[in-house]
Amino acid sequence: MPRITVRGLSVDQVCQMSESLVEQLAAICDCETDNFTLECNTHPSIFAGKIVPAYPFIEVAWFERGPAIRDQVAKAITDHVLALGIPEVEVAFTFYAENGYYINGISCG
């Protein structure tokens, strides 16, 4: 945890940036690299009855760490995606409530 879900990038692109990105995010969040999960959703996007390229959209689902950390994480993700030659990326955060998150049936709250 945090869980980072990527769409609009290929699996190869996510693999290419994954190691350095996770190392940077771990430093920002002051945690170990194995706390992060990266997922790459490679499903078709459809518009007007046709398959179209998906725009890069990255969702970070986590326990809130405050706006300063969030801003640094968003910038790190954006910089890594732009370095792949992608001209634009969107990053969104979803926040888990500790009392609504369970590990092996035990609430984190």
PDB file of N, CA and C in Angstrom:
ATOM      1  N   MET A   1       0.868  -1.138   0.000  1.00  0.00           N
ATOM      2  CA  MET A   1       0.000   0.000   0.000  1.00  0.00           C
ATOM      3  C   MET A   1       0.916   1.202   0.000  1.00  0.00           C
ATOM      4  N   PRO A   2       0.925   2.082  -0.841  1.00  0.00           N
ATOM      5  CA  PRO A   2      -0.058   2.531  -1.809  1.00  0.00           C
ATOM      6  C   PRO A   2      -0.144   1.627  -3.055  1.00  0.00           C
ATOM      7  N   ARG A   3      -1.328   1.662  -3.655  1.00  0.00           N
ATOM      8  CA  ARG A   3      -1.581   0.917  -4.880  1.00  0.00           C
ATOM      9  C   ARG A   3      -1.673   1.927  -6.016  1.00  0.00           C
ATOM     10  N   ILE A   4      -0.843   1.731  -7.033  1.00  0.00           N
ATOM     11  CA  ILE A   4      -0.791   2.643  -8.175  1.00  0.00           C
ATOM     12  C   ILE A   4      -1.310   1.896  -9.392  1.00  0.00           C
ATOM     13  N   THR A   5      -2.398   2.401  -9.954  1.00  0.00           N
ATOM     14  CA  THR A   5      -3.021   1.783 -11.114  1.00  0.00           C
ATOM     15  C   THR A   5      -2.803   2.692 -12.316  1.00  0.00           C
ATOM     16  N   VAL A   6      -2.269   2.110 -13.382  1.00  0.00           N
ATOM     17  CA  VAL A   6      -1.900   2.875 -14.572  1.00  0.00           C
ATOM     18  C   VAL A   6      -2.749   2.423 -15.744  1.00  0.00           C
ATOM     19  N   ARG A   7      -3.250   3.381 -16.485  1.00  0.00           N
ATOM     20  CA  ARG A   7      -3.901   3.059 -17.760  1.00  0.00           C
ATOM     21  C   ARG A   7      -3.376   4.029 -18.811  1.00  0.00           C
ATOM     22  N   GLY A   8      -3.427   3.611 -20.055  1.00  0.00           N
ATOM     23  CA  GLY A   8      -2.967   4.467 -21.147  1.00  0.00           C
ATOM     24  C   GLY A   8      -1.479   4.355 -21.417  1.00  0.00           C
ATOM     25  N   LEU A   9      -0.787   3.476 -20.696  1.00  0.00           N
ATOM     26  CA  LEU A   9       0.614   3.172 -20.963  1.00  0.00           C
ATOM     27  C   LEU A   9       0.721   1.675 -21.206  1.00  0.00           C
ATOM     28  N   SER A  10       1.726   1.280 -21.957  1.00  0.00           N
ATOM     29  CA  SER A  10       1.938  -0.147 -22.188  1.00  0.00           C
ATOM     30  C   SER A  10       2.595  -0.770 -20.962  1.00  0.00           C
ATOM     31  N   VAL A  11       2.509  -2.080 -20.872  1.00  0.00           N
ATOM     32  CA  VAL A  11       3.179  -2.799 -19.786  1.00  0.00           C
ATOM     33  C   VAL A  11       4.681  -2.525 -19.852  1.00  0.00           C
ATOM     34  N   ASP A  12       5.249  -2.505 -21.044  1.00  0.00           N
ATOM     35  CA  ASP A  12       6.683  -2.215 -21.194  1.00  0.00           C
ATOM     36  C   ASP A  12       7.033  -0.826 -20.670  1.00  0.00           C
ATOM     37  N   GLN A  13       6.193   0.163 -20.936  1.00  0.00           N
ATOM     38  CA  GLN A  13       6.454   1.512 -20.446  1.00  0.00           C
ATOM     39  C   GLN A  13       6.404   1.562 -18.917  1.00  0.00           C
ATOM     40  N   VAL A  14       5.431   0.877 -18.335  1.00  0.00           N
ATOM     41  CA  VAL A  14       5.328   0.856 -16.874  1.00  0.00           C
ATOM     42  C   VAL A  14       6.540   0.144 -16.280  1.00  0.00           C
ATOM     43  N   CYS A  15       6.944  -0.963 -16.884  1.00  0.00           N
ATOM     44  CA  CYS A  15       8.136  -1.680 -16.405  1.00  0.00           C
ATOM     45  C   CYS A  15       9.377  -0.802 -16.501  1.00  0.00           C
ATOM     46  N   GLN A  16       9.472  -0.048 -17.586  1.00  0.00           N
ATOM     47  CA  GLN A  16      10.646   0.799 -17.814  1.00  0.00           C
ATOM     48  C   GLN A  16      10.822   1.828 -16.702  1.00  0.00           C
ATOM     49  N   MET A  17       9.743   2.380 -16.203  1.00  0.00           N
ATOM     50  CA  MET A  17       9.858   3.426 -15.181  1.00  0.00           C
ATOM     51  C   MET A  17       9.654   2.895 -13.762  1.00  0.00           C
ATOM     52  N   SER A  18       9.242   1.649 -13.611  1.00  0.00           N
ATOM     53  CA  SER A  18       8.784   1.154 -12.313  1.00  0.00           C
ATOM     54  C   SER A  18       9.850   1.186 -11.222  1.00  0.00           C
ATOM     55  N   GLU A  19      11.037   0.734 -11.498  1.00  0.00           N
ATOM     56  CA  GLU A  19      12.047   0.634 -10.439  1.00  0.00           C
ATOM     57  C   GLU A  19      12.440   2.006  -9.900  1.00  0.00           C
ATOM     58  N   SER A  20      12.785   2.926 -10.796  1.00  0.00           N
ATOM     59  CA  SER A  20      13.210   4.251 -10.330  1.00  0.00           C
ATOM     60  C   SER A  20      12.039   5.022  -9.721  1.00  0.00           C
ATOM     61  N   LEU A  21      10.837   4.830 -10.267  1.00  0.00           N
ATOM     62  CA  LEU A  21       9.668   5.504  -9.708  1.00  0.00           C
ATOM     63  C   LEU A  21       9.400   5.031  -8.283  1.00  0.00           C
ATOM     64  N   VAL A  22       9.361   3.734  -8.080  1.00  0.00           N
ATOM     65  CA  VAL A  22       9.059   3.206  -6.750  1.00  0.00           C
ATOM     66  C   VAL A  22      10.143   3.601  -5.750  1.00  0.00           C
ATOM     67  N   GLU A  23      11.401   3.612  -6.177  1.00  0.00           N
ATOM     68  CA  GLU A  23      12.469   4.057  -5.280  1.00  0.00           C
ATOM     69  C   GLU A  23      12.264   5.509  -4.865  1.00  0.00           C
ATOM     70  N   GLN A  24      11.893   6.355  -5.814  1.00  0.00           N
ATOM     71  CA  GLN A  24      11.650   7.765  -5.505  1.00  0.00           C
ATOM     72  C   GLN A  24      10.433   7.928  -4.603  1.00  0.00           C
ATOM     73  N   LEU A  25       9.366   7.197  -4.887  1.00  0.00           N
ATOM     74  CA  LEU A  25       8.157   7.302  -4.069  1.00  0.00           C
ATOM     75  C   LEU A  25       8.409   6.815  -2.640  1.00  0.00           C
ATOM     76  N   ALA A  26       9.184   5.750  -2.495  1.00  0.00           N
ATOM     77  CA  ALA A  26       9.509   5.249  -1.161  1.00  0.00           C
ATOM     78  C   ALA A  26      10.282   6.301  -0.370  1.00  0.00           C
ATOM     79  N   ALA A  27      11.194   6.997  -1.033  1.00  0.00           N
ATOM     80  CA  ALA A  27      11.949   8.061  -0.359  1.00  0.00           C
ATOM     81  C   ALA A  27      11.015   9.207   0.051  1.00  0.00           C
ATOM     82  N   ILE A  28      10.101   9.579  -0.826  1.00  0.00           N
ATOM     83  CA  ILE A  28       9.159  10.654  -0.523  1.00  0.00           C
ATOM     84  C   ILE A  28       8.257  10.273   0.651  1.00  0.00           C
ATOM     85  N   CYS A  29       7.769   9.036   0.638  1.00  0.00           N
ATOM     86  CA  CYS A  29       6.802   8.580   1.645  1.00  0.00           C
ATOM     87  C   CYS A  29       7.480   8.016   2.895  1.00  0.00           C
ATOM     88  N   ASP A  30       8.801   7.949   2.889  1.00  0.00           N
ATOM     89  CA  ASP A  30       9.559   7.424   4.023  1.00  0.00           C
ATOM     90  C   ASP A  30       9.097   6.017   4.398  1.00  0.00           C
ATOM     91  N   CYS A  31       9.110   5.138   3.386  1.00  0.00           N
ATOM     92  CA  CYS A  31       8.730   3.742   3.599  1.00  0.00           C
ATOM     93  C   CYS A  31       9.567   2.857   2.680  1.00  0.00           C
ATOM     94  N   GLU A  32       9.368   1.574   2.783  1.00  0.00           N
ATOM     95  CA  GLU A  32      10.115   0.621   1.963  1.00  0.00           C
ATOM     96  C   GLU A  32       9.487   0.514   0.566  1.00  0.00           C
ATOM     97  N   THR A  33      10.288   0.115  -0.403  1.00  0.00           N
ATOM     98  CA  THR A  33       9.787  -0.025  -1.772  1.00  0.00           C
ATOM     99  C   THR A  33       8.735  -1.119  -1.888  1.00  0.00           C
ATOM    100  N   ASP A  34       8.797  -2.133  -1.022  1.00  0.00           N
ATOM    101  CA  ASP A  34       7.830  -3.222  -1.123  1.00  0.00           C
ATOM    102  C   ASP A  34       6.446  -2.835  -0.602  1.00  0.00           C
ATOM    103  N   ASN A  35       6.289  -1.601  -0.157  1.00  0.00           N
ATOM    104  CA  ASN A  35       4.968  -1.110   0.237  1.00  0.00           C
ATOM    105  C   ASN A  35       4.108  -0.750  -0.976  1.00  0.00           C
ATOM    106  N   PHE A  36       4.715  -0.606  -2.144  1.00  0.00           N
ATOM    107  CA  PHE A  36       4.019  -0.135  -3.335  1.00  0.00           C
ATOM    108  C   PHE A  36       3.603  -1.294  -4.236  1.00  0.00           C
ATOM    109  N   THR A  37       2.432  -1.162  -4.800  1.00  0.00           N
ATOM    110  CA  THR A  37       1.934  -2.101  -5.793  1.00  0.00           C
ATOM    111  C   THR A  37       1.651  -1.315  -7.069  1.00  0.00           C
ATOM    112  N   LEU A  38       2.203  -1.771  -8.177  1.00  0.00           N
ATOM    113  CA  LEU A  38       1.937  -1.166  -9.483  1.00  0.00           C
ATOM    114  C   LEU A  38       1.087  -2.118 -10.303  1.00  0.00           C
ATOM    115  N   GLU A  39       0.022  -1.595 -10.876  1.00  0.00           N
ATOM    116  CA  GLU A  39      -0.836  -2.373 -11.763  1.00  0.00           C
ATOM    117  C   GLU A  39      -0.961  -1.624 -13.075  1.00  0.00           C
ATOM    118  N   CYS A  40      -0.971  -2.367 -14.160  1.00  0.00           N
ATOM    119  CA  CYS A  40      -1.112  -1.764 -15.481  1.00  0.00           C
ATOM    120  C   CYS A  40      -2.373  -2.328 -16.123  1.00  0.00           C
ATOM    121  N   ASN A  41      -3.373  -1.479 -16.301  1.00  0.00           N
ATOM    122  CA  ASN A  41      -4.610  -1.895 -16.955  1.00  0.00           C
ATOM    123  C   ASN A  41      -4.480  -1.662 -18.454  1.00  0.00           C
ATOM    124  N   THR A  42      -4.507  -2.731 -19.190  1.00  0.00           N
ATOM    125  CA  THR A  42      -4.374  -2.631 -20.648  1.00  0.00           C
ATOM    126  C   THR A  42      -5.656  -3.111 -21.310  1.00  0.00           C
ATOM    127  N   HIS A  43      -6.684  -2.321 -21.164  1.00  0.00           N
ATOM    128  CA  HIS A  43      -7.958  -2.645 -21.787  1.00  0.00           C
ATOM    129  C   HIS A  43      -8.272  -1.581 -22.835  1.00  0.00           C
ATOM    130  N   PRO A  44      -9.085  -1.921 -23.808  1.00  0.00           N
ATOM    131  CA  PRO A  44      -9.371  -0.943 -24.862  1.00  0.00           C
ATOM    132  C   PRO A  44     -10.246   0.204 -24.355  1.00  0.00           C
ATOM    133  N   SER A  45      -9.994   1.378 -24.903  1.00  0.00           N
ATOM    134  CA  SER A  45     -10.858   2.534 -24.680  1.00  0.00           C
ATOM    135  C   SER A  45     -11.723   2.687 -25.927  1.00  0.00           C
ATOM    136  N   ILE A  46     -12.958   3.049 -25.713  1.00  0.00           N
ATOM    137  CA  ILE A  46     -13.901   3.121 -26.825  1.00  0.00           C
ATOM    138  C   ILE A  46     -14.544   4.502 -26.855  1.00  0.00           C
ATOM    139  N   PHE A  47     -14.598   5.087 -28.042  1.00  0.00           N
ATOM    140  CA  PHE A  47     -15.263   6.360 -28.256  1.00  0.00           C
ATOM    141  C   PHE A  47     -15.950   6.306 -29.609  1.00  0.00           C
ATOM    142  N   ALA A  48     -17.222   6.672 -29.617  1.00  0.00           N
ATOM    143  CA  ALA A  48     -18.006   6.719 -30.859  1.00  0.00           C
ATOM    144  C   ALA A  48     -17.956   5.392 -31.617  1.00  0.00           C
ATOM    145  N   GLY A  49     -18.022   4.304 -30.883  1.00  0.00           N
ATOM    146  CA  GLY A  49     -18.078   2.993 -31.502  1.00  0.00           C
ATOM    147  C   GLY A  49     -16.757   2.466 -32.028  1.00  0.00           C
ATOM    148  N   LYS A  50     -15.657   3.141 -31.676  1.00  0.00           N
ATOM    149  CA  LYS A  50     -14.346   2.719 -32.164  1.00  0.00           C
ATOM    150  C   LYS A  50     -13.367   2.600 -31.001  1.00  0.00           C
ATOM    151  N   ILE A  51     -12.409   1.701 -31.157  1.00  0.00           N
ATOM    152  CA  ILE A  51     -11.326   1.590 -30.185  1.00  0.00           C
ATOM    153  C   ILE A  51     -10.347   2.726 -30.445  1.00  0.00           C
ATOM    154  N   VAL A  52     -10.040   3.477 -29.382  1.00  0.00           N
ATOM    155  CA  VAL A  52      -9.136   4.627 -29.483  1.00  0.00           C
ATOM    156  C   VAL A  52      -8.034   4.490 -28.429  1.00  0.00           C
ATOM    157  N   PRO A  53      -6.918   5.166 -28.634  1.00  0.00           N
ATOM    158  CA  PRO A  53      -5.866   5.126 -27.608  1.00  0.00           C
ATOM    159  C   PRO A  53      -6.365   5.759 -26.307  1.00  0.00           C
ATOM    160  N   ALA A  54      -6.039   5.145 -25.199  1.00  0.00           N
ATOM    161  CA  ALA A  54      -6.409   5.701 -23.897  1.00  0.00           C
ATOM    162  C   ALA A  54      -5.392   6.765 -23.512  1.00  0.00           C
ATOM    163  N   TYR A  55      -5.871   7.829 -22.882  1.00  0.00           N
ATOM    164  CA  TYR A  55      -4.932   8.838 -22.391  1.00  0.00           C
ATOM    165  C   TYR A  55      -4.328   8.330 -21.079  1.00  0.00           C
ATOM    166  N   PRO A  56      -3.111   8.732 -20.786  1.00  0.00           N
ATOM    167  CA  PRO A  56      -2.462   8.274 -19.562  1.00  0.00           C
ATOM    168  C   PRO A  56      -3.165   8.818 -18.315  1.00  0.00           C
ATOM    169  N   PHE A  57      -3.610   7.899 -17.488  1.00  0.00           N
ATOM    170  CA  PHE A  57      -4.301   8.242 -16.241  1.00  0.00           C
ATOM    171  C   PHE A  57      -3.772   7.312 -15.159  1.00  0.00           C
ATOM    172  N   ILE A  58      -3.283   7.891 -14.085  1.00  0.00           N
ATOM    173  CA  ILE A  58      -2.696   7.110 -13.003  1.00  0.00           C
ATOM    174  C   ILE A  58      -3.430   7.427 -11.715  1.00  0.00           C
ATOM    175  N   GLU A  59      -3.914   6.368 -11.071  1.00  0.00           N
ATOM    176  CA  GLU A  59      -4.624   6.521  -9.808  1.00  0.00           C
ATOM    177  C   GLU A  59      -3.759   5.969  -8.679  1.00  0.00           C
ATOM    178  N   VAL A  60      -3.622   6.760  -7.627  1.00  0.00           N
ATOM    179  CA  VAL A  60      -2.894   6.355  -6.432  1.00  0.00           C
ATOM    180  C   VAL A  60      -3.926   6.179  -5.323  1.00  0.00           C
ATOM    181  N   ALA A  61      -4.076   4.954  -4.845  1.00  0.00           N
ATOM    182  CA  ALA A  61      -5.006   4.662  -3.756  1.00  0.00           C
ATOM    183  C   ALA A  61      -4.161   4.420  -2.505  1.00  0.00           C
ATOM    184  N   TRP A  62      -4.440   5.199  -1.451  1.00  0.00           N
ATOM    185  CA  TRP A  62      -3.597   5.132  -0.260  1.00  0.00           C
ATOM    186  C   TRP A  62      -4.267   5.774   0.940  1.00  0.00           C
ATOM    187  N   PHE A  63      -3.598   5.669   2.090  1.00  0.00           N
ATOM    188  CA  PHE A  63      -3.975   6.452   3.257  1.00  0.00           C
ATOM    189  C   PHE A  63      -3.370   7.834   3.049  1.00  0.00           C
ATOM    190  N   GLU A  64      -4.168   8.858   3.231  1.00  0.00           N
ATOM    191  CA  GLU A  64      -3.724  10.233   2.992  1.00  0.00           C
ATOM    192  C   GLU A  64      -2.459  10.550   3.792  1.00  0.00           C
ATOM    193  N   ARG A  65      -1.533  11.233   3.153  1.00  0.00           N
ATOM    194  CA  ARG A  65      -0.275  11.617   3.789  1.00  0.00           C
ATOM    195  C   ARG A  65      -0.082  13.128   3.816  1.00  0.00           C
ATOM    196  N   GLY A  66      -1.110  13.865   3.441  1.00  0.00           N
ATOM    197  CA  GLY A  66      -1.037  15.325   3.456  1.00  0.00           C
ATOM    198  C   GLY A  66      -0.694  15.887   2.091  1.00  0.00           C
ATOM    199  N   PRO A  67      -1.035  17.169   1.883  1.00  0.00           N
ATOM    200  CA  PRO A  67      -0.865  17.774   0.561  1.00  0.00           C
ATOM    201  C   PRO A  67       0.596  17.893   0.111  1.00  0.00           C
ATOM    202  N   ALA A  68       1.527  18.110   1.012  1.00  0.00           N
ATOM    203  CA  ALA A  68       2.927  18.258   0.600  1.00  0.00           C
ATOM    204  C   ALA A  68       3.462  16.942   0.019  1.00  0.00           C
ATOM    205  N   ILE A  69       3.185  15.828   0.685  1.00  0.00           N
ATOM    206  CA  ILE A  69       3.621  14.514   0.187  1.00  0.00           C
ATOM    207  C   ILE A  69       2.865  14.179  -1.090  1.00  0.00           C
ATOM    208  N   ARG A  70       1.568  14.438  -1.096  1.00  0.00           N
ATOM    209  CA  ARG A  70       0.749  14.159  -2.281  1.00  0.00           C
ATOM    210  C   ARG A  70       1.297  14.916  -3.494  1.00  0.00           C
ATOM    211  N   ASP A  71       1.632  16.194  -3.321  1.00  0.00           N
ATOM    212  CA  ASP A  71       2.183  16.987  -4.430  1.00  0.00           C
ATOM    213  C   ASP A  71       3.493  16.400  -4.944  1.00  0.00           C
ATOM    214  N   GLN A  72       4.353  15.962  -4.029  1.00  0.00           N
ATOM    215  CA  GLN A  72       5.636  15.367  -4.430  1.00  0.00           C
ATOM    216  C   GLN A  72       5.428  14.052  -5.182  1.00  0.00           C
ATOM    217  N   VAL A  73       4.484  13.243  -4.713  1.00  0.00           N
ATOM    218  CA  VAL A  73       4.192  11.972  -5.374  1.00  0.00           C
ATOM    219  C   VAL A  73       3.628  12.231  -6.771  1.00  0.00           C
ATOM    220  N   ALA A  74       2.698  13.160  -6.897  1.00  0.00           N
ATOM    221  CA  ALA A  74       2.116  13.480  -8.202  1.00  0.00           C
ATOM    222  C   ALA A  74       3.194  13.975  -9.164  1.00  0.00           C
ATOM    223  N   LYS A  75       4.104  14.815  -8.677  1.00  0.00           N
ATOM    224  CA  LYS A  75       5.177  15.319  -9.532  1.00  0.00           C
ATOM    225  C   LYS A  75       6.127  14.203  -9.949  1.00  0.00           C
ATOM    226  N   ALA A  76       6.477  13.316  -9.032  1.00  0.00           N
ATOM    227  CA  ALA A  76       7.382  12.207  -9.368  1.00  0.00           C
ATOM    228  C   ALA A  76       6.760  11.319 -10.437  1.00  0.00           C
ATOM    229  N   ILE A  77       5.488  10.983 -10.269  1.00  0.00           N
ATOM    230  CA  ILE A  77       4.805  10.148 -11.256  1.00  0.00           C
ATOM    231  C   ILE A  77       4.754  10.869 -12.602  1.00  0.00           C
ATOM    232  N   THR A  78       4.368  12.129 -12.587  1.00  0.00           N
ATOM    233  CA  THR A  78       4.272  12.909 -13.820  1.00  0.00           C
ATOM    234  C   THR A  78       5.618  12.977 -14.517  1.00  0.00           C
ATOM    235  N   ASP A  79       6.680  13.261 -13.781  1.00  0.00           N
ATOM    236  CA  ASP A  79       8.012  13.362 -14.385  1.00  0.00           C
ATOM    237  C   ASP A  79       8.433  12.050 -15.034  1.00  0.00           C
ATOM    238  N   HIS A  80       8.149  10.937 -14.378  1.00  0.00           N
ATOM    239  CA  HIS A  80       8.524   9.631 -14.945  1.00  0.00           C
ATOM    240  C   HIS A  80       7.745   9.338 -16.232  1.00  0.00           C
ATOM    241  N   VAL A  81       6.475   9.669 -16.255  1.00  0.00           N
ATOM    242  CA  VAL A  81       5.676   9.422 -17.459  1.00  0.00           C
ATOM    243  C   VAL A  81       6.113  10.347 -18.595  1.00  0.00           C
ATOM    244  N   LEU A  82       6.316  11.618 -18.294  1.00  0.00           N
ATOM    245  CA  LEU A  82       6.755  12.555 -19.332  1.00  0.00           C
ATOM    246  C   LEU A  82       8.113  12.153 -19.902  1.00  0.00           C
ATOM    247  N   ALA A  83       8.980  11.571 -19.065  1.00  0.00           N
ATOM    248  CA  ALA A  83      10.300  11.132 -19.522  1.00  0.00           C
ATOM    249  C   ALA A  83      10.207  10.000 -20.548  1.00  0.00           C
ATOM    250  N   LEU A  84       9.058   9.336 -20.611  1.00  0.00           N
ATOM    251  CA  LEU A  84       8.841   8.294 -21.618  1.00  0.00           C
ATOM    252  C   LEU A  84       8.489   8.890 -22.982  1.00  0.00           C
ATOM    253  N   GLY A  85       8.378  10.216 -23.053  1.00  0.00           N
ATOM    254  CA  GLY A  85       8.004  10.871 -24.301  1.00  0.00           C
ATOM    255  C   GLY A  85       6.505  11.065 -24.439  1.00  0.00           C
ATOM    256  N   ILE A  86       5.789  10.862 -23.364  1.00  0.00           N
ATOM    257  CA  ILE A  86       4.329  11.038 -23.359  1.00  0.00           C
ATOM    258  C   ILE A  86       4.051  12.507 -23.033  1.00  0.00           C
ATOM    259  N   PRO A  87       3.243  13.199 -23.825  1.00  0.00           N
ATOM    260  CA  PRO A  87       3.100  14.644 -23.643  1.00  0.00           C
ATOM    261  C   PRO A  87       2.200  15.087 -22.485  1.00  0.00           C
ATOM    262  N   GLU A  88       1.351  14.200 -21.995  1.00  0.00           N
ATOM    263  CA  GLU A  88       0.395  14.619 -20.962  1.00  0.00           C
ATOM    264  C   GLU A  88       0.003  13.414 -20.124  1.00  0.00           C
ATOM    265  N   VAL A  89      -0.213  13.636 -18.831  1.00  0.00           N
ATOM    266  CA  VAL A  89      -0.654  12.575 -17.931  1.00  0.00           C
ATOM    267  C   VAL A  89      -1.507  13.191 -16.834  1.00  0.00           C
ATOM    268  N   GLU A  90      -2.483  12.437 -16.390  1.00  0.00           N
ATOM    269  CA  GLU A  90      -3.302  12.854 -15.260  1.00  0.00           C
ATOM    270  C   GLU A  90      -3.066  11.896 -14.102  1.00  0.00           C
ATOM    271  N   VAL A  91      -2.987  12.446 -12.888  1.00  0.00           N
ATOM    272  CA  VAL A  91      -2.788  11.662 -11.674  1.00  0.00           C
ATOM    273  C   VAL A  91      -3.916  12.021 -10.716  1.00  0.00           C
ATOM    274  N   ALA A  92      -4.555  11.002 -10.158  1.00  0.00           N
ATOM    275  CA  ALA A  92      -5.638  11.222  -9.198  1.00  0.00           C
ATOM    276  C   ALA A  92      -5.390  10.355  -7.975  1.00  0.00           C
ATOM    277  N   PHE A  93      -5.835  10.835  -6.836  1.00  0.00           N
ATOM    278  CA  PHE A  93      -5.646  10.130  -5.572  1.00  0.00           C
ATOM    279  C   PHE A  93      -6.990   9.695  -5.009  1.00  0.00           C
ATOM    280  N   THR A  94      -7.031   8.477  -4.521  1.00  0.00           N
ATOM    281  CA  THR A  94      -8.176   7.934  -3.793  1.00  0.00           C
ATOM    282  C   THR A  94      -7.689   7.652  -2.385  1.00  0.00           C
ATOM    283  N   PHE A  95      -8.466   8.060  -1.406  1.00  0.00           N
ATOM    284  CA  PHE A  95      -8.036   7.939  -0.016  1.00  0.00           C
ATOM    285  C   PHE A  95      -8.832   6.867   0.704  1.00  0.00           C
ATOM    286  N   TYR A  96      -8.107   5.975   1.346  1.00  0.00           N
ATOM    287  CA  TYR A  96      -8.726   4.963   2.182  1.00  0.00           C
ATOM    288  C   TYR A  96      -8.865   5.508   3.601  1.00  0.00           C
ATOM    289  N   ALA A  97      -9.972   5.188   4.237  1.00  0.00           N
ATOM    290  CA  ALA A  97     -10.151   5.482   5.656  1.00  0.00           C
ATOM    291  C   ALA A  97      -9.634   4.279   6.435  1.00  0.00           C
ATOM    292  N   GLU A  98      -8.832   4.534   7.448  1.00  0.00           N
ATOM    293  CA  GLU A  98      -8.236   3.432   8.200  1.00  0.00           C
ATOM    294  C   GLU A  98      -9.287   2.497   8.781  1.00  0.00           C
ATOM    295  N   ASN A  99     -10.426   3.050   9.215  1.00  0.00           N
ATOM    296  CA  ASN A  99     -11.460   2.183   9.805  1.00  0.00           C
ATOM    297  C   ASN A  99     -12.237   1.402   8.750  1.00  0.00           C
ATOM    298  N   GLY A 100     -11.996   1.684   7.478  1.00  0.00           N
ATOM    299  CA  GLY A 100     -12.647   0.954   6.399  1.00  0.00           C
ATOM    300  C   GLY A 100     -11.689   0.064   5.629  1.00  0.00           C
ATOM    301  N   TYR A 101     -10.481  -0.105   6.144  1.00  0.00           N
ATOM    302  CA  TYR A 101      -9.457  -0.911   5.487  1.00  0.00           C
ATOM    303  C   TYR A 101      -9.090  -2.047   6.429  1.00  0.00           C
ATOM    304  N   TYR A 102      -9.147  -3.264   5.913  1.00  0.00           N
ATOM    305  CA  TYR A 102      -8.925  -4.448   6.746  1.00  0.00           C
ATOM    306  C   TYR A 102      -7.777  -5.269   6.195  1.00  0.00           C
ATOM    307  N   ILE A 103      -6.958  -5.784   7.084  1.00  0.00           N
ATOM    308  CA  ILE A 103      -5.900  -6.723   6.743  1.00  0.00           C
ATOM    309  C   ILE A 103      -6.188  -8.000   7.518  1.00  0.00           C
ATOM    310  N   ASN A 104      -6.423  -9.087   6.782  1.00  0.00           N
ATOM    311  CA  ASN A 104      -6.780 -10.373   7.403  1.00  0.00           C
ATOM    312  C   ASN A 104      -7.949 -10.233   8.366  1.00  0.00           C
ATOM    313  N   GLY A 105      -8.933  -9.427   7.976  1.00  0.00           N
ATOM    314  CA  GLY A 105     -10.146  -9.289   8.779  1.00  0.00           C
ATOM    315  C   GLY A 105     -10.030  -8.334   9.949  1.00  0.00           C
ATOM    316  N   ILE A 106      -8.891  -7.679  10.089  1.00  0.00           N
ATOM    317  CA  ILE A 106      -8.695  -6.760  11.224  1.00  0.00           C
ATOM    318  C   ILE A 106      -8.608  -5.336  10.682  1.00  0.00           C
ATOM    319  N   SER A 107      -9.420  -4.453  11.248  1.00  0.00           N
ATOM    320  CA  SER A 107      -9.468  -3.070  10.830  1.00  0.00           C
ATOM    321  C   SER A 107      -8.152  -2.361  11.168  1.00  0.00           C
ATOM    322  N   CYS A 108      -7.710  -1.499  10.254  1.00  0.00           N
ATOM    323  CA  CYS A 108      -6.525  -0.693  10.506  1.00  0.00           C
ATOM    324  C   CYS A 108      -6.863   0.552  11.339  1.00  0.00           C
ATOM    325  N   GLY A 109      -8.146   0.760  11.592  1.00  0.00           N
ATOM    326  CA  GLY A 109      -8.583   1.960  12.308  1.00  0.00           C
ATOM    327  C   GLY A 109      -8.610   1.854  13.784  1.00  0.00           C
TER     328      GLY A 109
END
